[in-house]
């Protein structure tokens, strides 16, 4: 990155970026100043139903990610144990299994709760 841009140019670009964000923030805070509205970023106004639908979809995706984490956790433990040439020990295996079951159960519970 040093060969691409000299330090003085990086400072100038950072200053321009900070100025742009500052003007955008000021445009939102001061809607009565007309010339600042040029710097205002567009916002999407969602209806209440659309917000609820998007939140529900996001919660379902999160639930699926938690279930996936519960499925991958034992695989990662097994893979790391084999790659490090270690033996499987009882206590860590039980802990990983319990955490995996808890993640899967929590994910399913969240998914069912948000599907209703």
Protein backbone atom coordinates (compact mmCIF):
# COMPACT_ATOMS: atom_id res chain seq x y z
CA UNK A 1 0.00 0.00 0.00
CA UNK A 2 2.95 2.32 0.62
CA UNK A 3 4.04 2.00 -2.99
CA UNK A 4 0.55 2.80 -4.27
CA UNK A 5 -0.14 6.04 -2.38
CA UNK A 6 2.31 8.35 -0.63
CA UNK A 7 1.55 9.28 2.99
CA UNK A 8 0.53 12.85 2.18
CA UNK A 9 -2.10 11.60 -0.28
CA UNK A 10 -3.47 9.14 2.29
CA UNK A 11 -3.89 12.00 4.78
CA UNK A 12 -5.74 14.11 2.21
CA UNK A 13 -8.05 11.24 1.22
CA UNK A 14 -8.79 10.47 4.87
CA UNK A 15 -9.60 14.13 5.49
CA UNK A 16 -11.96 14.24 2.50
CA UNK A 17 -13.69 11.06 3.69
CA UNK A 18 -14.10 12.42 7.23
CA UNK A 19 -15.42 15.72 5.83
CA UNK A 20 -17.98 13.87 3.71
CA UNK A 21 -19.22 11.84 6.69
CA UNK A 22 -19.36 14.98 8.82
CA UNK A 23 -21.38 16.89 6.22
CA UNK A 24 -23.76 13.94 5.86
CA UNK A 25 -24.27 13.85 9.61
CA UNK A 26 -24.86 17.59 9.71
CA UNK A 27 -27.38 17.32 6.86
CA UNK A 28 -29.44 14.85 8.90
CA UNK A 29 -29.23 16.98 12.04
CA UNK A 30 -30.02 20.28 10.31
CA UNK A 31 -32.73 19.72 7.67
CA UNK A 32 -33.46 23.46 7.65
CA UNK A 33 -30.11 24.29 5.97
CA UNK A 34 -30.71 23.88 2.24
CA UNK A 35 -27.12 23.65 1.01
CA UNK A 36 -26.36 20.80 3.44
CA UNK A 37 -29.11 18.64 1.95
CA UNK A 38 -26.86 17.98 -1.06
CA UNK A 39 -24.74 15.82 1.24
CA UNK A 40 -27.66 13.95 2.77
CA UNK A 41 -27.57 10.23 2.06
CA UNK A 42 -30.84 8.70 0.91
CA UNK A 43 -32.78 6.76 3.51
CA UNK A 44 -35.39 4.10 2.97
CA UNK A 45 -38.56 4.58 4.97
CA UNK A 46 -40.10 1.19 5.67
CA UNK A 47 -43.63 0.54 6.74
CA UNK A 48 -44.20 -1.16 10.08
CA UNK A 49 -45.20 -4.40 8.33
CA UNK A 50 -42.00 -4.38 6.27
CA UNK A 51 -39.89 -3.80 9.39
CA UNK A 52 -41.59 -6.71 11.15
CA UNK A 53 -41.10 -8.94 8.10
CA UNK A 54 -37.41 -8.04 7.78
CA UNK A 55 -36.82 -8.58 11.50
CA UNK A 56 -38.52 -11.97 11.31
CA UNK A 57 -36.39 -12.98 8.31
CA UNK A 58 -33.22 -11.82 10.08
CA UNK A 59 -34.19 -13.84 13.17
CA UNK A 60 -34.73 -16.95 11.03
CA UNK A 61 -31.33 -16.53 9.41
CA UNK A 62 -29.75 -16.13 12.84
CA UNK A 63 -31.48 -19.29 14.03
CA UNK A 64 -30.13 -21.22 11.05
CA UNK A 65 -26.64 -19.87 11.70
CA UNK A 66 -26.81 -21.05 15.33
CA UNK A 67 -27.92 -24.51 14.19
CA UNK A 68 -25.07 -24.57 11.66
CA UNK A 69 -22.62 -23.60 14.41
CA UNK A 70 -23.93 -26.47 16.51
CA UNK A 71 -23.36 -28.88 13.63
CA UNK A 72 -19.88 -27.59 12.79
CA UNK A 73 -18.59 -27.40 16.37
CA UNK A 74 -17.97 -31.17 16.81
CA UNK A 75 -16.42 -31.35 13.35
CA UNK A 76 -13.98 -28.57 14.21
CA UNK A 77 -13.11 -30.23 17.49
CA UNK A 78 -12.50 -33.57 15.79
CA UNK A 79 -10.51 -31.99 12.97
CA UNK A 80 -8.30 -29.96 15.31
CA UNK A 81 -7.72 -32.97 17.57
CA UNK A 82 -6.68 -35.18 14.66
CA UNK A 83 -4.51 -32.49 13.04
CA UNK A 84 -2.62 -31.90 16.28
CA UNK A 85 -2.08 -35.67 16.70
CA UNK A 86 -3.88 -35.66 20.05
CA UNK A 87 -6.14 -38.27 21.54
CA UNK A 88 -9.82 -37.60 22.12
CA UNK A 89 -10.35 -36.94 25.82
CA UNK A 90 -13.64 -37.58 27.59
CA UNK A 91 -14.28 -34.21 29.27
CA UNK A 92 -13.60 -31.98 26.22
CA UNK A 93 -15.66 -34.28 24.04
CA UNK A 94 -18.59 -34.08 26.47
CA UNK A 95 -18.27 -30.27 26.66
CA UNK A 96 -18.24 -29.96 22.86
CA UNK A 97 -21.19 -32.33 22.57
CA UNK A 98 -23.24 -30.44 25.16
CA UNK A 99 -22.43 -27.08 23.53
CA UNK A 100 -23.38 -28.51 20.15
CA UNK A 101 -26.71 -29.83 21.42
CA UNK A 102 -27.42 -26.50 23.15
CA UNK A 103 -26.67 -24.56 19.96
CA UNK A 104 -28.89 -26.82 17.88
CA UNK A 105 -31.68 -26.66 20.46
CA UNK A 106 -31.45 -22.88 20.77
CA UNK A 107 -31.46 -22.48 17.00
CA UNK A 108 -34.51 -24.69 16.57
CA UNK A 109 -36.31 -22.89 19.41
CA UNK A 110 -35.56 -19.49 17.83
CA UNK A 111 -36.68 -20.70 14.42
CA UNK A 112 -39.97 -22.08 15.73
CA UNK A 113 -40.58 -18.99 17.86
CA UNK A 114 -40.12 -16.66 14.87
CA UNK A 115 -42.15 -18.78 12.46
CA UNK A 116 -45.39 -18.29 14.32
